[in-house]
Amino acid sequence: MAGRLAAVGSRVLGGHGAAARSAASALRHRAGMGLPVGRHIVPDQPLPVNDELVWDNGTPYPEPCIDRLAPHIGKYEALAWLCGGLGFFATLGLAAALNDKASKVPYTPKVYPYDNLRAELGDRP
């Protein structure tokens, strides 16, 4: 693909001049920006024991793959928060199911004229 782009760039810029060669070189190397994740370093010695647990993309500050956003919260406190949240949504769903008017009245109430036929059905004022 890069070879085809270089050939097209060479033809567009007019042959085999210096500008065409520089355009072909730039197209070949991703417009001069390099690889998307930095330099690719091939290891020449054994990797450290837990190397797969660190995300190192060439930035000055590699970060761990397992995020510890709140190390002061224990596993049982986290479990309590999870159960409390799930219990809240279960209670909300149960309340919505118990208060479902569509299941109590499965049909649309019919509306009659003359104040819903109040006098004709025996409810006189």
Protein backbone atom coordinates (compact mmCIF):
# COMPACT_ATOMS: atom_id res chain seq x y z
CA MET A 1 0.00 0.00 0.00
CA ALA A 2 2.77 2.42 0.90
CA GLY A 3 4.57 1.59 -2.34
CA ARG A 4 1.47 2.43 -4.36
CA LEU A 5 1.02 5.70 -2.47
CA ALA A 6 4.66 6.57 -3.09
CA ALA A 7 4.28 5.85 -6.80
CA VAL A 8 1.11 7.98 -7.00
CA GLY A 9 2.80 10.80 -5.10
CA SER A 10 5.77 10.60 -7.42
CA ARG A 11 3.55 10.85 -10.51
CA VAL A 12 1.47 13.70 -9.08
CA LEU A 13 4.52 15.78 -8.24
CA GLY A 14 6.03 15.36 -11.68
CA GLY A 15 8.39 12.52 -12.06
CA HIS A 16 11.49 11.56 -10.14
CA GLY A 17 12.69 14.90 -8.79
CA ALA A 18 13.68 15.74 -5.22
CA ALA A 19 10.15 16.80 -4.31
CA ALA A 20 8.75 13.52 -5.57
CA ARG A 21 11.30 11.53 -3.57
CA SER A 22 10.55 13.45 -0.38
CA ALA A 23 6.80 13.01 -0.90
CA ALA A 24 7.27 9.31 -1.50
CA SER A 25 9.35 9.04 1.67
CA ALA A 26 6.78 10.96 3.71
CA LEU A 27 3.91 8.82 2.43
CA ARG A 28 5.88 5.70 3.15
CA HIS A 29 6.44 6.73 6.78
CA ARG A 30 2.85 7.73 7.65
CA ALA A 31 3.30 11.35 6.64
CA GLY A 32 6.29 11.67 8.92
CA MET A 33 4.37 10.87 12.11
CA GLY A 34 5.77 7.40 12.78
CA LEU A 35 3.91 4.47 14.27
CA PRO A 36 0.67 5.11 16.17
CA VAL A 37 2.00 3.86 19.54
CA GLY A 38 5.60 5.06 19.52
CA ARG A 39 8.74 3.14 18.72
CA HIS A 40 8.57 -0.64 18.63
CA ILE A 41 11.34 -1.95 20.84
CA VAL A 42 12.30 -5.58 20.32
CA PRO A 43 13.46 -7.13 23.61
CA ASP A 44 17.01 -8.50 23.52
CA GLN A 45 16.99 -9.89 27.07
CA PRO A 46 14.42 -11.75 29.21
CA LEU A 47 11.43 -9.68 30.28
CA PRO A 48 10.72 -8.93 33.95
CA VAL A 49 8.39 -11.28 35.80
CA ASN A 50 5.26 -9.08 35.76
CA ASP A 51 5.92 -7.19 32.54
CA GLU A 52 2.47 -7.96 31.15
CA LEU A 53 0.89 -6.04 34.05
CA VAL A 54 2.38 -2.70 32.95
CA TRP A 55 1.14 -0.72 29.94
CA ASP A 56 4.19 0.96 28.46
CA ASN A 57 3.43 2.71 25.19
CA GLY A 58 6.61 4.76 25.10
CA THR A 59 5.42 7.63 27.28
CA PRO A 60 7.60 8.78 30.20
CA TYR A 61 5.09 7.39 32.73
CA PRO A 62 4.06 3.76 32.14
CA GLU A 63 0.85 2.83 33.93
CA PRO A 64 -0.41 -0.41 35.47
CA CYS A 65 -2.97 -2.40 33.52
CA ILE A 66 -5.01 -3.09 36.67
CA ASP A 67 -6.27 0.26 37.86
CA ARG A 68 -6.38 0.83 41.59
CA LEU A 69 -8.61 3.89 41.69
CA ALA A 70 -9.61 3.57 45.33
CA PRO A 71 -7.16 1.39 47.26
CA HIS A 72 -8.61 2.55 50.61
CA ILE A 73 -11.94 0.78 49.97
CA GLY A 74 -11.87 -2.84 51.05
CA LYS A 75 -13.51 -5.71 49.22
CA TYR A 76 -16.31 -6.10 51.76
CA GLU A 77 -17.16 -2.40 51.65
CA ALA A 78 -17.23 -2.60 47.85
CA LEU A 79 -19.48 -5.67 48.10
CA ALA A 80 -21.80 -3.76 50.44
CA TRP A 81 -22.03 -0.84 47.97
CA LEU A 82 -22.71 -3.26 45.10
CA CYS A 83 -25.45 -5.09 47.01
CA GLY A 84 -26.97 -1.79 48.14
CA GLY A 85 -27.09 -0.47 44.57
CA LEU A 86 -28.53 -3.70 43.16
CA GLY A 87 -31.04 -3.84 46.03
CA PHE A 88 -32.14 -0.27 45.28
CA PHE A 89 -32.80 -1.06 41.62
CA ALA A 90 -34.54 -4.34 42.53
CA THR A 91 -36.82 -2.42 44.93
CA LEU A 92 -37.49 0.20 42.28
CA GLY A 93 -38.40 -2.52 39.74
CA LEU A 94 -40.66 -4.28 42.25
CA ALA A 95 -42.43 -1.01 43.07
CA ALA A 96 -42.94 -0.33 39.36
CA ALA A 97 -44.32 -3.85 38.85
CA LEU A 98 -46.73 -3.53 41.79
CA ASN A 99 -47.94 -0.10 40.69
CA ASP A 100 -48.49 -1.10 37.06
CA LYS A 101 -51.88 0.33 36.10
CA ALA A 102 -51.83 -1.27 32.66
CA SER A 103 -51.96 -4.76 34.20
CA LYS A 104 -54.80 -3.80 36.58
CA VAL A 105 -57.00 -2.27 33.88
CA PRO A 106 -56.19 -4.16 30.67
CA TYR A 107 -58.64 -2.10 28.61
CA THR A 108 -59.16 1.60 28.06
CA PRO A 109 -62.03 2.92 30.19
CA LYS A 110 -64.89 3.99 27.95
CA VAL A 111 -65.96 7.62 28.22
CA TYR A 112 -69.65 8.33 27.60
CA PRO A 113 -71.26 11.68 26.77
CA TYR A 114 -73.45 13.70 29.18
CA ASP A 115 -71.03 13.61 32.11
CA ASN A 116 -70.28 9.94 31.52
CA LEU A 117 -74.03 9.03 31.66
CA ARG A 118 -74.18 9.88 35.34
CA ALA A 119 -77.92 10.57 35.46
CA GLU A 120 -78.82 7.61 33.22
CA LEU A 121 -76.86 5.13 35.36
CA GLY A 122 -78.56 6.19 38.60
CA ASP A 123 -76.15 8.59 40.19
CA ARG A 124 -78.34 11.72 40.48
CA PRO A 125 -76.94 14.93 41.96
